[in-house]
């Protein structure tokens, strides 16, 4: 039953990404996003359903074949101009508000803990603050419209959101079976290697990172554009 709920929610998130892309981005870019998503969904689905993700004896471990491409994607996203163009095309409030999808993810992870597939350490009851990031997303989206100070608060919130993701990823890796298991928990983190839950680190976490990067790029651009005349004169005289 949990798997069915997860697949339904995953489909909802994917459709939302496609709809936002189609509404605000050029047709060619939308086509590229849809194509890349389809290929990635099939690739991750095959790797996880065939059992490569949950075999700790593989060298390199199966998780590398998912996390590796994700890290490359994040690096390209941060270092290229594509993120800047996308951030300029999509309304900032929408980028921020979309982070509320993390509420559903955290509820599903809590269900996985009840099923004995992840330790409590990865849930909001165990100190994972991702739920609070999702709950505060609509509020931050509104605060970002209140002026320069609101933009700065939104920037700080995005940085904290990235730190929350890093904390959750570290806990997930260190509690999973294999040579990197350094945290002793009541049950190991086996869910991330089982289809369809592999899509948590393979798609949902990268989506959260992408939204944070886009928001940071958009906020930085707005802060540059809303500099006071006095500060601009000061810079020009120096």
C-alpha atoms as a PDB file:
ATOM      1  CA  UNK A   1       0.000   0.000   0.000  1.00  0.00           C
ATOM      2  CA  UNK A   2       2.860   2.383   0.824  1.00  0.00           C
ATOM      3  CA  UNK A   3       4.415   1.737  -2.578  1.00  0.00           C
ATOM      4  CA  UNK A   4       1.150   2.620  -4.306  1.00  0.00           C
ATOM      5  CA  UNK A   5       0.851   5.867  -2.386  1.00  0.00           C
ATOM      6  CA  UNK A   6       4.464   6.678  -3.153  1.00  0.00           C
ATOM      7  CA  UNK A   7       4.096   6.053  -6.898  1.00  0.00           C
ATOM      8  CA  UNK A   8       0.945   8.183  -6.957  1.00  0.00           C
ATOM      9  CA  UNK A   9       2.700  11.041  -5.215  1.00  0.00           C
ATOM     10  CA  UNK A  10       5.758  10.671  -7.436  1.00  0.00           C
ATOM     11  CA  UNK A  11       3.543  10.903 -10.531  1.00  0.00           C
ATOM     12  CA  UNK A  12       1.888  14.027  -9.091  1.00  0.00           C
ATOM     13  CA  UNK A  13       5.285  15.695  -8.553  1.00  0.00           C
ATOM     14  CA  UNK A  14       6.523  14.778 -12.034  1.00  0.00           C
ATOM     15  CA  UNK A  15       3.343  16.119 -13.653  1.00  0.00           C
ATOM     16  CA  UNK A  16       3.664  19.338 -11.640  1.00  0.00           C
ATOM     17  CA  UNK A  17       7.243  19.824 -12.856  1.00  0.00           C
ATOM     18  CA  UNK A  18       6.174  19.267 -16.463  1.00  0.00           C
ATOM     19  CA  UNK A  19       3.216  21.647 -16.154  1.00  0.00           C
ATOM     20  CA  UNK A  20       5.334  24.434 -14.665  1.00  0.00           C
ATOM     21  CA  UNK A  21       7.954  23.939 -17.364  1.00  0.00           C
ATOM     22  CA  UNK A  22       5.352  24.041 -20.118  1.00  0.00           C
ATOM     23  CA  UNK A  23       3.745  27.168 -18.666  1.00  0.00           C
ATOM     24  CA  UNK A  24       6.862  29.303 -18.261  1.00  0.00           C
ATOM     25  CA  UNK A  25       9.764  27.889 -20.277  1.00  0.00           C
ATOM     26  CA  UNK A  26      10.398  27.818 -24.035  1.00  0.00           C
ATOM     27  CA  UNK A  27       9.013  24.814 -25.862  1.00  0.00           C
ATOM     28  CA  UNK A  28      12.444  23.447 -26.712  1.00  0.00           C
ATOM     29  CA  UNK A  29      13.595  23.603 -23.100  1.00  0.00           C
ATOM     30  CA  UNK A  30      10.377  21.970 -21.919  1.00  0.00           C
ATOM     31  CA  UNK A  31      10.870  19.164 -24.433  1.00  0.00           C
ATOM     32  CA  UNK A  32      14.418  18.637 -23.155  1.00  0.00           C
ATOM     33  CA  UNK A  33      13.196  18.500 -19.543  1.00  0.00           C
ATOM     34  CA  UNK A  34      10.439  16.006 -20.354  1.00  0.00           C
ATOM     35  CA  UNK A  35      12.852  13.807 -22.340  1.00  0.00           C
ATOM     36  CA  UNK A  36      15.502  13.867 -19.625  1.00  0.00           C
ATOM     37  CA  UNK A  37      12.890  13.078 -16.966  1.00  0.00           C
ATOM     38  CA  UNK A  38      11.560  10.109 -18.943  1.00  0.00           C
ATOM     39  CA  UNK A  39      15.048   8.669 -19.496  1.00  0.00           C
ATOM     40  CA  UNK A  40      15.998   9.179 -15.859  1.00  0.00           C
ATOM     41  CA  UNK A  41      12.793   7.588 -14.538  1.00  0.00           C
ATOM     42  CA  UNK A  42      13.339   4.499 -16.696  1.00  0.00           C
ATOM     43  CA  UNK A  43      17.029   4.281 -15.796  1.00  0.00           C
ATOM     44  CA  UNK A  44      16.511   4.555 -12.034  1.00  0.00           C
ATOM     45  CA  UNK A  45      13.483   2.276 -12.167  1.00  0.00           C
ATOM     46  CA  UNK A  46      15.461  -0.464 -13.906  1.00  0.00           C
ATOM     47  CA  UNK A  47      18.481  -0.210 -11.600  1.00  0.00           C
ATOM     48  CA  UNK A  48      16.380  -0.325  -8.446  1.00  0.00           C
ATOM     49  CA  UNK A  49      13.846  -2.946  -9.599  1.00  0.00           C
ATOM     50  CA  UNK A  50      16.650  -5.296 -10.694  1.00  0.00           C
ATOM     51  CA  UNK A  51      18.160  -5.157  -7.214  1.00  0.00           C
ATOM     52  CA  UNK A  52      21.428  -3.336  -7.928  1.00  0.00           C
ATOM     53  CA  UNK A  53      20.659  -0.627  -5.390  1.00  0.00           C
ATOM     54  CA  UNK A  54      20.208  -2.978  -2.432  1.00  0.00           C
ATOM     55  CA  UNK A  55      23.253  -5.201  -2.990  1.00  0.00           C
ATOM     56  CA  UNK A  56      25.995  -3.921  -0.620  1.00  0.00           C
ATOM     57  CA  UNK A  57      28.536  -6.367  -2.089  1.00  0.00           C
ATOM     58  CA  UNK A  58      28.715  -4.574  -5.443  1.00  0.00           C
ATOM     59  CA  UNK A  59      31.833  -2.514  -6.169  1.00  0.00           C
ATOM     60  CA  UNK A  60      31.175   0.284  -6.676  1.00  0.00           C
ATOM     61  CA  UNK A  61      27.929   0.144  -4.670  1.00  0.00           C
ATOM     62  CA  UNK A  62      24.734   0.446  -6.683  1.00  0.00           C
ATOM     63  CA  UNK A  63      23.904   3.800  -5.097  1.00  0.00           C
ATOM     64  CA  UNK A  64      26.898   5.300  -6.936  1.00  0.00           C
ATOM     65  CA  UNK A  65      25.136   4.792 -10.271  1.00  0.00           C
ATOM     66  CA  UNK A  66      22.346   7.068  -9.058  1.00  0.00           C
ATOM     67  CA  UNK A  67      24.121   9.552  -6.808  1.00  0.00           C
ATOM     68  CA  UNK A  68      26.955  10.039  -9.316  1.00  0.00           C
ATOM     69  CA  UNK A  69      24.738  11.422 -12.105  1.00  0.00           C
ATOM     70  CA  UNK A  70      22.808  13.488  -9.545  1.00  0.00           C
ATOM     71  CA  UNK A  71      26.028  15.161  -8.358  1.00  0.00           C
ATOM     72  CA  UNK A  72      27.026  15.883 -11.959  1.00  0.00           C
ATOM     73  CA  UNK A  73      23.598  17.403 -12.586  1.00  0.00           C
ATOM     74  CA  UNK A  74      23.853  19.608  -9.483  1.00  0.00           C
ATOM     75  CA  UNK A  75      27.344  20.786 -10.505  1.00  0.00           C
ATOM     76  CA  UNK A  76      26.161  21.666 -14.025  1.00  0.00           C
ATOM     77  CA  UNK A  77      23.099  23.407 -12.601  1.00  0.00           C
ATOM     78  CA  UNK A  78      25.187  25.586 -10.298  1.00  0.00           C
ATOM     79  CA  UNK A  79      27.958  26.407 -12.754  1.00  0.00           C
ATOM     80  CA  UNK A  80      25.945  27.019 -15.949  1.00  0.00           C
ATOM     81  CA  UNK A  81      23.777  29.909 -17.089  1.00  0.00           C
ATOM     82  CA  UNK A  82      20.790  27.601 -17.597  1.00  0.00           C
ATOM     83  CA  UNK A  83      19.696  27.968 -13.983  1.00  0.00           C
ATOM     84  CA  UNK A  84      19.742  31.743 -14.313  1.00  0.00           C
ATOM     85  CA  UNK A  85      17.512  31.676 -17.398  1.00  0.00           C
ATOM     86  CA  UNK A  86      15.061  29.270 -15.786  1.00  0.00           C
ATOM     87  CA  UNK A  87      15.002  31.281 -12.552  1.00  0.00           C
ATOM     88  CA  UNK A  88      14.222  34.449 -14.508  1.00  0.00           C
ATOM     89  CA  UNK A  89      11.373  32.790 -16.418  1.00  0.00           C
ATOM     90  CA  UNK A  90       9.488  31.194 -13.501  1.00  0.00           C
ATOM     91  CA  UNK A  91       7.898  33.443 -10.816  1.00  0.00           C
ATOM     92  CA  UNK A  92       9.962  33.454  -7.638  1.00  0.00           C
ATOM     93  CA  UNK A  93       6.892  32.866  -5.464  1.00  0.00           C
ATOM     94  CA  UNK A  94       6.130  29.700  -7.414  1.00  0.00           C
ATOM     95  CA  UNK A  95       9.702  28.426  -7.118  1.00  0.00           C
ATOM     96  CA  UNK A  96       9.605  28.951  -3.357  1.00  0.00           C
ATOM     97  CA  UNK A  97       6.098  27.602  -2.885  1.00  0.00           C
ATOM     98  CA  UNK A  98       6.848  24.392  -4.781  1.00  0.00           C
ATOM     99  CA  UNK A  99       9.130  23.348  -1.919  1.00  0.00           C
ATOM    100  CA  UNK A 100       5.955  22.409  -0.073  1.00  0.00           C
ATOM    101  CA  UNK A 101       6.108  19.085  -1.940  1.00  0.00           C
ATOM    102  CA  UNK A 102       8.554  18.043   0.788  1.00  0.00           C
ATOM    103  CA  UNK A 103       5.627  17.720   3.203  1.00  0.00           C
ATOM    104  CA  UNK A 104       4.335  14.728   1.254  1.00  0.00           C
ATOM    105  CA  UNK A 105       7.815  13.243   1.037  1.00  0.00           C
ATOM    106  CA  UNK A 106       8.282  13.444   4.801  1.00  0.00           C
ATOM    107  CA  UNK A 107       4.874  11.883   5.448  1.00  0.00           C
ATOM    108  CA  UNK A 108       5.814   8.987   3.168  1.00  0.00           C
ATOM    109  CA  UNK A 109       9.195   8.572   4.872  1.00  0.00           C
ATOM    110  CA  UNK A 110       7.372   8.434   8.198  1.00  0.00           C
ATOM    111  CA  UNK A 111       5.213   5.673   6.749  1.00  0.00           C
ATOM    112  CA  UNK A 112       8.369   3.822   5.659  1.00  0.00           C
ATOM    113  CA  UNK A 113       9.592   4.009   9.258  1.00  0.00           C
ATOM    114  CA  UNK A 114       6.327   2.475  10.432  1.00  0.00           C
ATOM    115  CA  UNK A 115       6.900  -0.284   7.855  1.00  0.00           C
ATOM    116  CA  UNK A 116      10.394  -0.932   9.240  1.00  0.00           C
ATOM    117  CA  UNK A 117      12.232   0.177   6.090  1.00  0.00           C
ATOM    118  CA  UNK A 118      13.985   3.278   7.447  1.00  0.00           C
ATOM    119  CA  UNK A 119      15.163   4.271  10.932  1.00  0.00           C
ATOM    120  CA  UNK A 120      13.356   6.910  12.949  1.00  0.00           C
ATOM    121  CA  UNK A 121      16.470   9.048  12.457  1.00  0.00           C
ATOM    122  CA  UNK A 122      15.251   9.904   8.940  1.00  0.00           C
ATOM    123  CA  UNK A 123      11.786  11.080  10.003  1.00  0.00           C
ATOM    124  CA  UNK A 124      10.593  14.385  11.412  1.00  0.00           C
ATOM    125  CA  UNK A 125      10.209  12.643  14.773  1.00  0.00           C
ATOM    126  CA  UNK A 126      13.892  11.748  14.612  1.00  0.00           C
ATOM    127  CA  UNK A 127      15.162  15.249  13.924  1.00  0.00           C
ATOM    128  CA  UNK A 128      14.757  15.530  10.145  1.00  0.00           C
ATOM    129  CA  UNK A 129      13.669  19.154   9.680  1.00  0.00           C
ATOM    130  CA  UNK A 130      12.666  18.839   6.017  1.00  0.00           C
ATOM    131  CA  UNK A 131       9.012  18.801   7.059  1.00  0.00           C
ATOM    132  CA  UNK A 132       9.385  22.294   8.507  1.00  0.00           C
ATOM    133  CA  UNK A 133      11.040  23.514   5.309  1.00  0.00           C
ATOM    134  CA  UNK A 134       8.013  22.303   3.356  1.00  0.00           C
ATOM    135  CA  UNK A 135       5.527  23.790   5.808  1.00  0.00           C
ATOM    136  CA  UNK A 136       7.223  27.181   5.776  1.00  0.00           C
ATOM    137  CA  UNK A 137       7.577  27.346   1.970  1.00  0.00           C
ATOM    138  CA  UNK A 138       4.256  29.171   1.304  1.00  0.00           C
ATOM    139  CA  UNK A 139       5.037  31.667   4.082  1.00  0.00           C
ATOM    140  CA  UNK A 140       8.491  32.359   2.659  1.00  0.00           C
ATOM    141  CA  UNK A 141       6.965  32.740  -0.804  1.00  0.00           C
ATOM    142  CA  UNK A 142       4.788  35.544   0.597  1.00  0.00           C
ATOM    143  CA  UNK A 143       7.617  37.127   2.616  1.00  0.00           C
ATOM    144  CA  UNK A 144       9.727  37.348  -0.544  1.00  0.00           C
ATOM    145  CA  UNK A 145       7.166  39.776  -1.986  1.00  0.00           C
ATOM    146  CA  UNK A 146       7.531  42.289   0.869  1.00  0.00           C
ATOM    147  CA  UNK A 147      10.684  43.993  -0.338  1.00  0.00           C
ATOM    148  CA  UNK A 148      14.434  43.787   0.001  1.00  0.00           C
ATOM    149  CA  UNK A 149      14.366  42.560   3.606  1.00  0.00           C
ATOM    150  CA  UNK A 150      11.928  39.821   2.646  1.00  0.00           C
ATOM    151  CA  UNK A 151      14.234  38.747  -0.170  1.00  0.00           C
ATOM    152  CA  UNK A 152      17.128  38.490   2.257  1.00  0.00           C
ATOM    153  CA  UNK A 153      15.042  36.353   4.609  1.00  0.00           C
ATOM    154  CA  UNK A 154      14.096  34.124   1.680  1.00  0.00           C
ATOM    155  CA  UNK A 155      17.774  33.813   0.743  1.00  0.00           C
ATOM    156  CA  UNK A 156      18.659  32.725   4.285  1.00  0.00           C
ATOM    157  CA  UNK A 157      15.756  30.239   4.258  1.00  0.00           C
ATOM    158  CA  UNK A 158      17.067  28.670   1.057  1.00  0.00           C
ATOM    159  CA  UNK A 159      20.517  28.254   2.550  1.00  0.00           C
ATOM    160  CA  UNK A 160      18.987  26.600   5.619  1.00  0.00           C
ATOM    161  CA  UNK A 161      16.917  24.382   3.308  1.00  0.00           C
ATOM    162  CA  UNK A 162      20.073  23.183   1.549  1.00  0.00           C
ATOM    163  CA  UNK A 163      21.691  22.470   4.923  1.00  0.00           C
ATOM    164  CA  UNK A 164      18.604  20.470   5.912  1.00  0.00           C
ATOM    165  CA  UNK A 165      18.949  18.389   2.748  1.00  0.00           C
ATOM    166  CA  UNK A 166      22.642  17.819   3.438  1.00  0.00           C
ATOM    167  CA  UNK A 167      21.797  16.692   6.970  1.00  0.00           C
ATOM    168  CA  UNK A 168      19.134  14.261   5.715  1.00  0.00           C
ATOM    169  CA  UNK A 169      21.432  12.883   2.997  1.00  0.00           C
ATOM    170  CA  UNK A 170      24.248  12.305   5.504  1.00  0.00           C
ATOM    171  CA  UNK A 171      21.934  10.484   7.894  1.00  0.00           C
ATOM    172  CA  UNK A 172      20.570   8.393   5.028  1.00  0.00           C
ATOM    173  CA  UNK A 173      24.010   7.282   3.809  1.00  0.00           C
ATOM    174  CA  UNK A 174      25.446   6.600   7.259  1.00  0.00           C
ATOM    175  CA  UNK A 175      22.464   4.471   8.295  1.00  0.00           C
ATOM    176  CA  UNK A 176      22.271   2.388   5.100  1.00  0.00           C
ATOM    177  CA  UNK A 177      23.694  -1.171   4.874  1.00  0.00           C
ATOM    178  CA  UNK A 178      27.234  -1.358   3.548  1.00  0.00           C
ATOM    179  CA  UNK A 179      30.766  -0.151   4.307  1.00  0.00           C
ATOM    180  CA  UNK A 180      29.633   3.423   5.037  1.00  0.00           C
ATOM    181  CA  UNK A 181      27.155   2.440   7.769  1.00  0.00           C
ATOM    182  CA  UNK A 182      28.530   4.385  10.741  1.00  0.00           C
ATOM    183  CA  UNK A 183      25.283   5.110  12.605  1.00  0.00           C
ATOM    184  CA  UNK A 184      23.695   2.317  14.597  1.00  0.00           C
ATOM    185  CA  UNK A 185      19.902   2.501  14.376  1.00  0.00           C
ATOM    186  CA  UNK A 186      16.951   0.314  15.358  1.00  0.00           C
ATOM    187  CA  UNK A 187      16.611  -0.715  11.688  1.00  0.00           C
ATOM    188  CA  UNK A 188      18.937   0.023   8.753  1.00  0.00           C
ATOM    189  CA  UNK A 189      17.960   2.365   5.962  1.00  0.00           C
ATOM    190  CA  UNK A 190      17.040  -0.196   3.308  1.00  0.00           C
ATOM    191  CA  UNK A 191      14.184   1.688   1.627  1.00  0.00           C
ATOM    192  CA  UNK A 192      16.430   3.891  -0.522  1.00  0.00           C
ATOM    193  CA  UNK A 193      17.655   0.794  -2.349  1.00  0.00           C
ATOM    194  CA  UNK A 194      14.182  -0.623  -3.011  1.00  0.00           C
ATOM    195  CA  UNK A 195      11.918   0.282  -5.930  1.00  0.00           C
ATOM    196  CA  UNK A 196      10.144   2.709  -5.962  1.00  0.00           C
ATOM    197  CA  UNK A 197      11.662   4.419  -2.924  1.00  0.00           C
ATOM    198  CA  UNK A 198      14.985   4.871  -4.729  1.00  0.00           C
ATOM    199  CA  UNK A 199      13.344   7.885  -6.320  1.00  0.00           C
ATOM    200  CA  UNK A 200      13.669   9.742  -3.002  1.00  0.00           C
ATOM    201  CA  UNK A 201      17.437  10.253  -3.422  1.00  0.00           C
ATOM    202  CA  UNK A 202      17.277   9.928  -7.213  1.00  0.00           C
ATOM    203  CA  UNK A 203      14.547  12.473  -8.020  1.00  0.00           C
ATOM    204  CA  UNK A 204      12.812  14.119  -5.056  1.00  0.00           C
ATOM    205  CA  UNK A 205      15.959  15.274  -3.248  1.00  0.00           C
ATOM    206  CA  UNK A 206      17.530  16.631  -6.483  1.00  0.00           C
ATOM    207  CA  UNK A 207      14.262  18.457  -7.198  1.00  0.00           C
ATOM    208  CA  UNK A 208      14.468  20.169  -3.811  1.00  0.00           C
ATOM    209  CA  UNK A 209      18.092  21.143  -4.512  1.00  0.00           C
ATOM    210  CA  UNK A 210      17.129  22.462  -7.951  1.00  0.00           C
ATOM    211  CA  UNK A 211      14.364  24.641  -6.511  1.00  0.00           C
ATOM    212  CA  UNK A 212      16.765  26.058  -3.914  1.00  0.00           C
ATOM    213  CA  UNK A 213      19.388  26.849  -6.567  1.00  0.00           C
ATOM    214  CA  UNK A 214      16.796  28.510  -8.816  1.00  0.00           C
ATOM    215  CA  UNK A 215      15.441  30.541  -5.908  1.00  0.00           C
ATOM    216  CA  UNK A 216      18.907  31.679  -4.855  1.00  0.00           C
ATOM    217  CA  UNK A 217      19.708  32.753  -8.436  1.00  0.00           C
ATOM    218  CA  UNK A 218      16.392  34.610  -8.736  1.00  0.00           C
ATOM    219  CA  UNK A 219      16.744  36.328  -5.351  1.00  0.00           C
ATOM    220  CA  UNK A 220      20.343  37.349  -6.063  1.00  0.00           C
ATOM    221  CA  UNK A 221      19.262  38.901  -9.361  1.00  0.00           C
ATOM    222  CA  UNK A 222      16.438  40.823  -7.669  1.00  0.00           C
ATOM    223  CA  UNK A 223      18.715  42.082  -4.911  1.00  0.00           C
ATOM    224  CA  UNK A 224      21.131  43.378  -7.535  1.00  0.00           C
ATOM    225  CA  UNK A 225      18.307  45.098  -9.387  1.00  0.00           C
ATOM    226  CA  UNK A 226      16.842  46.715  -6.257  1.00  0.00           C
ATOM    227  CA  UNK A 227      19.980  48.407  -5.001  1.00  0.00           C
ATOM    228  CA  UNK A 228      19.264  51.892  -3.710  1.00  0.00           C
ATOM    229  CA  UNK A 229      20.356  54.867  -5.828  1.00  0.00           C
ATOM    230  CA  UNK A 230      22.657  55.946  -3.033  1.00  0.00           C
ATOM    231  CA  UNK A 231      24.544  52.675  -3.044  1.00  0.00           C
ATOM    232  CA  UNK A 232      24.830  52.820  -6.833  1.00  0.00           C
ATOM    233  CA  UNK A 233      26.351  56.320  -6.653  1.00  0.00           C
ATOM    234  CA  UNK A 234      28.758  55.137  -3.996  1.00  0.00           C
ATOM    235  CA  UNK A 235      29.948  52.309  -6.156  1.00  0.00           C
ATOM    236  CA  UNK A 236      30.373  54.526  -9.235  1.00  0.00           C
ATOM    237  CA  UNK A 237      32.450  57.125  -7.329  1.00  0.00           C
ATOM    238  CA  UNK A 238      34.795  54.478  -5.976  1.00  0.00           C
END
